[in-house]
Amino acid sequence: MAEPTQQSSPADPPGPTGYGWCAWHQGHAWGVRLIRIDERGHHLACSSCRQAYDLVPLADRP
């Protein structure tokens, strides 16, 4: 009898990234980073939105 095999999942993107909701384009994306925290919650942005809107992650600010 054959052993059941696990289906392989899509490869994660290289490097340390997070998967989450981008508050700027209103969709899920890889590579989201924390941009702002306010009374409404945490605001994350993906790489393309960070470039398009010139957003700087909190961790990269002086």
PDB file of N, CA and C in Angstrom:
ATOM      1  N   MET A   1       0.832  -1.174   0.000  1.00  0.00           N
ATOM      2  CA  MET A   1       0.000   0.000   0.000  1.00  0.00           C
ATOM      3  C   MET A   1       0.885   1.248   0.000  1.00  0.00           C
ATOM      4  N   ALA A   2       0.563   2.202  -0.824  1.00  0.00           N
ATOM      5  CA  ALA A   2       1.377   3.414  -0.956  1.00  0.00           C
ATOM      6  C   ALA A   2       1.145   4.350   0.220  1.00  0.00           C
ATOM      7  N   GLU A   3       2.207   4.971   0.652  1.00  0.00           N
ATOM      8  CA  GLU A   3       2.128   5.954   1.730  1.00  0.00           C
ATOM      9  C   GLU A   3       1.524   7.251   1.191  1.00  0.00           C
ATOM     10  N   PRO A   4       0.667   7.911   1.961  1.00  0.00           N
ATOM     11  CA  PRO A   4       0.149   9.205   1.497  1.00  0.00           C
ATOM     12  C   PRO A   4       1.273  10.232   1.439  1.00  0.00           C
ATOM     13  N   THR A   5       1.263  11.057   0.433  1.00  0.00           N
ATOM     14  CA  THR A   5       2.289  12.089   0.304  1.00  0.00           C
ATOM     15  C   THR A   5       1.674  13.448   0.532  1.00  0.00           C
ATOM     16  N   GLN A   6       2.472  14.342   1.055  1.00  0.00           N
ATOM     17  CA  GLN A   6       2.012  15.706   1.278  1.00  0.00           C
ATOM     18  C   GLN A   6       2.169  16.508   0.008  1.00  0.00           C
ATOM     19  N   GLN A   7       1.178  17.291  -0.309  1.00  0.00           N
ATOM     20  CA  GLN A   7       1.280  18.191  -1.445  1.00  0.00           C
ATOM     21  C   GLN A   7       2.231  19.311  -1.056  1.00  0.00           C
ATOM     22  N   SER A   8       3.090  19.682  -1.972  1.00  0.00           N
ATOM     23  CA  SER A   8       4.002  20.778  -1.661  1.00  0.00           C
ATOM     24  C   SER A   8       3.263  22.099  -1.786  1.00  0.00           C
ATOM     25  N   SER A   9       3.568  22.997  -0.867  1.00  0.00           N
ATOM     26  CA  SER A   9       2.941  24.317  -0.908  1.00  0.00           C
ATOM     27  C   SER A   9       3.843  25.251  -1.709  1.00  0.00           C
ATOM     28  N   PRO A  10       3.297  26.358  -2.200  1.00  0.00           N
ATOM     29  CA  PRO A  10       4.133  27.307  -2.935  1.00  0.00           C
ATOM     30  C   PRO A  10       5.273  27.796  -2.057  1.00  0.00           C
ATOM     31  N   ALA A  11       6.395  28.034  -2.653  1.00  0.00           N
ATOM     32  CA  ALA A  11       7.572  28.473  -1.895  1.00  0.00           C
ATOM     33  C   ALA A  11       7.344  29.869  -1.340  1.00  0.00           C
ATOM     34  N   ASP A  12       7.814  30.063  -0.125  1.00  0.00           N
ATOM     35  CA  ASP A  12       7.737  31.397   0.468  1.00  0.00           C
ATOM     36  C   ASP A  12       8.749  32.289  -0.229  1.00  0.00           C
ATOM     37  N   PRO A  13       8.497  33.576  -0.262  1.00  0.00           N
ATOM     38  CA  PRO A  13       9.460  34.484  -0.872  1.00  0.00           C
ATOM     39  C   PRO A  13      10.754  34.488  -0.076  1.00  0.00           C
ATOM     40  N   PRO A  14      11.872  34.775  -0.717  1.00  0.00           N
ATOM     41  CA  PRO A  14      13.157  34.757  -0.010  1.00  0.00           C
ATOM     42  C   PRO A  14      13.247  35.891   1.004  1.00  0.00           C
ATOM     43  N   GLY A  15      14.020  35.670   2.034  1.00  0.00           N
ATOM     44  CA  GLY A  15      14.252  36.707   3.034  1.00  0.00           C
ATOM     45  C   GLY A  15      13.143  36.790   4.063  1.00  0.00           C
ATOM     46  N   PRO A  16      13.378  37.578   5.120  1.00  0.00           N
ATOM     47  CA  PRO A  16      12.382  37.723   6.177  1.00  0.00           C
ATOM     48  C   PRO A  16      11.243  38.644   5.734  1.00  0.00           C
ATOM     49  N   THR A  17      10.106  38.071   5.477  1.00  0.00           N
ATOM     50  CA  THR A  17       8.947  38.861   5.066  1.00  0.00           C
ATOM     51  C   THR A  17       7.743  38.418   5.866  1.00  0.00           C
ATOM     52  N   GLY A  18       6.727  39.225   5.843  1.00  0.00           N
ATOM     53  CA  GLY A  18       5.481  38.886   6.498  1.00  0.00           C
ATOM     54  C   GLY A  18       4.361  38.885   5.474  1.00  0.00           C
ATOM     55  N   TYR A  19       3.348  38.098   5.745  1.00  0.00           N
ATOM     56  CA  TYR A  19       2.170  38.073   4.884  1.00  0.00           C
ATOM     57  C   TYR A  19       1.039  38.690   5.659  1.00  0.00           C
ATOM     58  N   GLY A  20       0.394  39.683   5.081  1.00  0.00           N
ATOM     59  CA  GLY A  20      -0.687  40.334   5.806  1.00  0.00           C
ATOM     60  C   GLY A  20      -1.479  41.269   4.925  1.00  0.00           C
ATOM     61  N   TRP A  21      -2.277  42.099   5.562  1.00  0.00           N
ATOM     62  CA  TRP A  21      -3.188  43.011   4.883  1.00  0.00           C
ATOM     63  C   TRP A  21      -2.508  44.355   4.681  1.00  0.00           C
ATOM     64  N   CYS A  22      -2.407  44.788   3.433  1.00  0.00           N
ATOM     65  CA  CYS A  22      -1.856  46.103   3.124  1.00  0.00           C
ATOM     66  C   CYS A  22      -2.987  47.122   3.225  1.00  0.00           C
ATOM     67  N   ALA A  23      -2.831  48.076   4.126  1.00  0.00           N
ATOM     68  CA  ALA A  23      -3.865  49.085   4.349  1.00  0.00           C
ATOM     69  C   ALA A  23      -3.971  50.077   3.193  1.00  0.00           C
ATOM     70  N   TRP A  24      -2.955  50.148   2.346  1.00  0.00           N
ATOM     71  CA  TRP A  24      -2.984  51.126   1.261  1.00  0.00           C
ATOM     72  C   TRP A  24      -3.703  50.603   0.029  1.00  0.00           C
ATOM     73  N   HIS A  25      -3.433  49.363  -0.390  1.00  0.00           N
ATOM     74  CA  HIS A  25      -4.151  48.864  -1.572  1.00  0.00           C
ATOM     75  C   HIS A  25      -5.312  47.944  -1.197  1.00  0.00           C
ATOM     76  N   GLN A  26      -5.525  47.779   0.109  1.00  0.00           N
ATOM     77  CA  GLN A  26      -6.661  47.009   0.635  1.00  0.00           C
ATOM     78  C   GLN A  26      -6.670  45.566   0.143  1.00  0.00           C
ATOM     79  N   GLY A  27      -5.526  44.898   0.285  1.00  0.00           N
ATOM     80  CA  GLY A  27      -5.444  43.497  -0.114  1.00  0.00           C
ATOM     81  C   GLY A  27      -4.308  42.799   0.612  1.00  0.00           C
ATOM     82  N   HIS A  28      -4.308  41.471   0.556  1.00  0.00           N
ATOM     83  CA  HIS A  28      -3.242  40.679   1.165  1.00  0.00           C
ATOM     84  C   HIS A  28      -1.991  40.733   0.294  1.00  0.00           C
ATOM     85  N   ALA A  29      -0.833  40.681   0.942  1.00  0.00           N
ATOM     86  CA  ALA A  29       0.427  40.740   0.200  1.00  0.00           C
ATOM     87  C   ALA A  29       1.564  40.197   1.059  1.00  0.00           C
ATOM     88  N   TRP A  30       2.608  39.737   0.383  1.00  0.00           N
ATOM     89  CA  TRP A  30       3.847  39.353   1.053  1.00  0.00           C
ATOM     90  C   TRP A  30       4.669  40.605   1.293  1.00  0.00           C
ATOM     91  N   GLY A  31       5.475  40.579   2.319  1.00  0.00           N
ATOM     92  CA  GLY A  31       6.428  41.659   2.569  1.00  0.00           C
ATOM     93  C   GLY A  31       5.839  42.891   3.218  1.00  0.00           C
ATOM     94  N   VAL A  32       4.719  42.757   3.922  1.00  0.00           N
ATOM     95  CA  VAL A  32       4.145  43.933   4.580  1.00  0.00           C
ATOM     96  C   VAL A  32       5.014  44.347   5.757  1.00  0.00           C
ATOM     97  N   ARG A  33       5.084  45.650   5.973  1.00  0.00           N
ATOM     98  CA  ARG A  33       5.843  46.210   7.091  1.00  0.00           C
ATOM     99  C   ARG A  33       4.961  47.219   7.818  1.00  0.00           C
ATOM    100  N   LEU A  34       5.186  47.347   9.112  1.00  0.00           N
ATOM    101  CA  LEU A  34       4.424  48.273   9.948  1.00  0.00           C
ATOM    102  C   LEU A  34       4.814  49.711   9.624  1.00  0.00           C
ATOM    103  N   ILE A  35       3.813  50.517   9.282  1.00  0.00           N
ATOM    104  CA  ILE A  35       4.042  51.917   8.926  1.00  0.00           C
ATOM    105  C   ILE A  35       3.572  52.852  10.027  1.00  0.00           C
ATOM    106  N   ARG A  36       2.427  52.553  10.614  1.00  0.00           N
ATOM    107  CA  ARG A  36       1.830  53.471  11.588  1.00  0.00           C
ATOM    108  C   ARG A  36       0.982  52.688  12.581  1.00  0.00           C
ATOM    109  N   ILE A  37       0.932  53.192  13.812  1.00  0.00           N
ATOM    110  CA  ILE A  37       0.024  52.674  14.844  1.00  0.00           C
ATOM    111  C   ILE A  37      -0.776  53.859  15.347  1.00  0.00           C
ATOM    112  N   ASP A  38      -2.081  53.739  15.340  1.00  0.00           N
ATOM    113  CA  ASP A  38      -2.928  54.799  15.881  1.00  0.00           C
ATOM    114  C   ASP A  38      -4.123  54.172  16.586  1.00  0.00           C
ATOM    115  N   GLU A  39      -5.101  54.996  16.958  1.00  0.00           N
ATOM    116  CA  GLU A  39      -6.256  54.494  17.716  1.00  0.00           C
ATOM    117  C   GLU A  39      -7.095  53.493  16.931  1.00  0.00           C
ATOM    118  N   ARG A  40      -6.955  53.472  15.604  1.00  0.00           N
ATOM    119  CA  ARG A  40      -7.712  52.519  14.784  1.00  0.00           C
ATOM    120  C   ARG A  40      -6.962  51.206  14.568  1.00  0.00           C
ATOM    121  N   GLY A  41      -5.725  51.146  14.999  1.00  0.00           N
ATOM    122  CA  GLY A  41      -4.974  49.899  14.881  1.00  0.00           C
ATOM    123  C   GLY A  41      -3.632  50.052  14.192  1.00  0.00           C
ATOM    124  N   HIS A  42      -3.126  48.923  13.721  1.00  0.00           N
ATOM    125  CA  HIS A  42      -1.837  48.868  13.043  1.00  0.00           C
ATOM    126  C   HIS A  42      -2.046  49.014  11.543  1.00  0.00           C
ATOM    127  N   HIS A  43      -1.201  49.786  10.898  1.00  0.00           N
ATOM    128  CA  HIS A  43      -1.300  49.995   9.461  1.00  0.00           C
ATOM    129  C   HIS A  43      -0.047  49.430   8.801  1.00  0.00           C
ATOM    130  N   LEU A  44      -0.243  48.391   8.001  1.00  0.00           N
ATOM    131  CA  LEU A  44       0.853  47.730   7.302  1.00  0.00           C
ATOM    132  C   LEU A  44       0.810  48.092   5.828  1.00  0.00           C
ATOM    133  N   ALA A  45       1.979  48.115   5.193  1.00  0.00           N
ATOM    134  CA  ALA A  45       2.042  48.403   3.757  1.00  0.00           C
ATOM    135  C   ALA A  45       2.980  47.414   3.082  1.00  0.00           C
ATOM    136  N   CYS A  46       2.603  47.000   1.876  1.00  0.00           N
ATOM    137  CA  CYS A  46       3.442  46.085   1.095  1.00  0.00           C
ATOM    138  C   CYS A  46       4.552  46.875   0.409  1.00  0.00           C
ATOM    139  N   SER A  47       5.469  46.157  -0.197  1.00  0.00           N
ATOM    140  CA  SER A  47       6.634  46.763  -0.834  1.00  0.00           C
ATOM    141  C   SER A  47       6.244  47.746  -1.939  1.00  0.00           C
ATOM    142  N   SER A  48       5.327  47.354  -2.801  1.00  0.00           N
ATOM    143  CA  SER A  48       4.971  48.245  -3.908  1.00  0.00           C
ATOM    144  C   SER A  48       4.255  49.504  -3.414  1.00  0.00           C
ATOM    145  N   CYS A  49       3.432  49.397  -2.390  1.00  0.00           N
ATOM    146  CA  CYS A  49       2.769  50.584  -1.843  1.00  0.00           C
ATOM    147  C   CYS A  49       3.767  51.468  -1.099  1.00  0.00           C
ATOM    148  N   ARG A  50       4.750  50.868  -0.417  1.00  0.00           N
ATOM    149  CA  ARG A  50       5.776  51.667   0.254  1.00  0.00           C
ATOM    150  C   ARG A  50       6.538  52.493  -0.759  1.00  0.00           C
ATOM    151  N   GLN A  51       6.824  51.913  -1.912  1.00  0.00           N
ATOM    152  CA  GLN A  51       7.536  52.655  -2.961  1.00  0.00           C
ATOM    153  C   GLN A  51       6.629  53.709  -3.591  1.00  0.00           C
ATOM    154  N   ALA A  52       5.392  53.346  -3.922  1.00  0.00           N
ATOM    155  CA  ALA A  52       4.474  54.254  -4.608  1.00  0.00           C
ATOM    156  C   ALA A  52       4.108  55.465  -3.758  1.00  0.00           C
ATOM    157  N   TYR A  53       3.940  55.265  -2.443  1.00  0.00           N
ATOM    158  CA  TYR A  53       3.490  56.342  -1.567  1.00  0.00           C
ATOM    159  C   TYR A  53       4.618  56.892  -0.688  1.00  0.00           C
ATOM    160  N   ASP A  54       5.852  56.455  -0.953  1.00  0.00           N
ATOM    161  CA  ASP A  54       7.028  56.923  -0.213  1.00  0.00           C
ATOM    162  C   ASP A  54       6.851  56.732   1.293  1.00  0.00           C
ATOM    163  N   LEU A  55       6.450  55.515   1.687  1.00  0.00           N
ATOM    164  CA  LEU A  55       6.204  55.185   3.089  1.00  0.00           C
ATOM    165  C   LEU A  55       7.471  54.599   3.714  1.00  0.00           C
ATOM    166  N   VAL A  56       7.777  55.002   4.928  1.00  0.00           N
ATOM    167  CA  VAL A  56       8.942  54.497   5.645  1.00  0.00           C
ATOM    168  C   VAL A  56       8.453  53.675   6.829  1.00  0.00           C
ATOM    169  N   PRO A  57       8.836  52.384   6.907  1.00  0.00           N
ATOM    170  CA  PRO A  57       8.426  51.550   8.043  1.00  0.00           C
ATOM    171  C   PRO A  57       8.926  52.134   9.368  1.00  0.00           C
ATOM    172  N   LEU A  58       8.175  51.905  10.427  1.00  0.00           N
ATOM    173  CA  LEU A  58       8.554  52.404  11.753  1.00  0.00           C
ATOM    174  C   LEU A  58       9.949  51.932  12.153  1.00  0.00           C
ATOM    175  N   ALA A  59      10.276  50.691  11.862  1.00  0.00           N
ATOM    176  CA  ALA A  59      11.573  50.131  12.267  1.00  0.00           C
ATOM    177  C   ALA A  59      12.749  50.790  11.546  1.00  0.00           C
ATOM    178  N   ASP A  60      12.497  51.445  10.416  1.00  0.00           N
ATOM    179  CA  ASP A  60      13.567  52.073   9.636  1.00  0.00           C
ATOM    180  C   ASP A  60      13.689  53.567   9.903  1.00  0.00           C
ATOM    181  N   ARG A  61      12.853  54.106  10.768  1.00  0.00           N
ATOM    182  CA  ARG A  61      12.910  55.544  11.074  1.00  0.00           C
ATOM    183  C   ARG A  61      13.946  55.820  12.150  1.00  0.00           C
ATOM    184  N   PRO A  62      14.576  57.001  12.073  1.00  0.00           N
ATOM    185  CA  PRO A  62      15.584  57.343  13.105  1.00  0.00           C
ATOM    186  C   PRO A  62      14.964  57.601  14.459  1.00  0.00           C
TER     187      PRO A  62
END
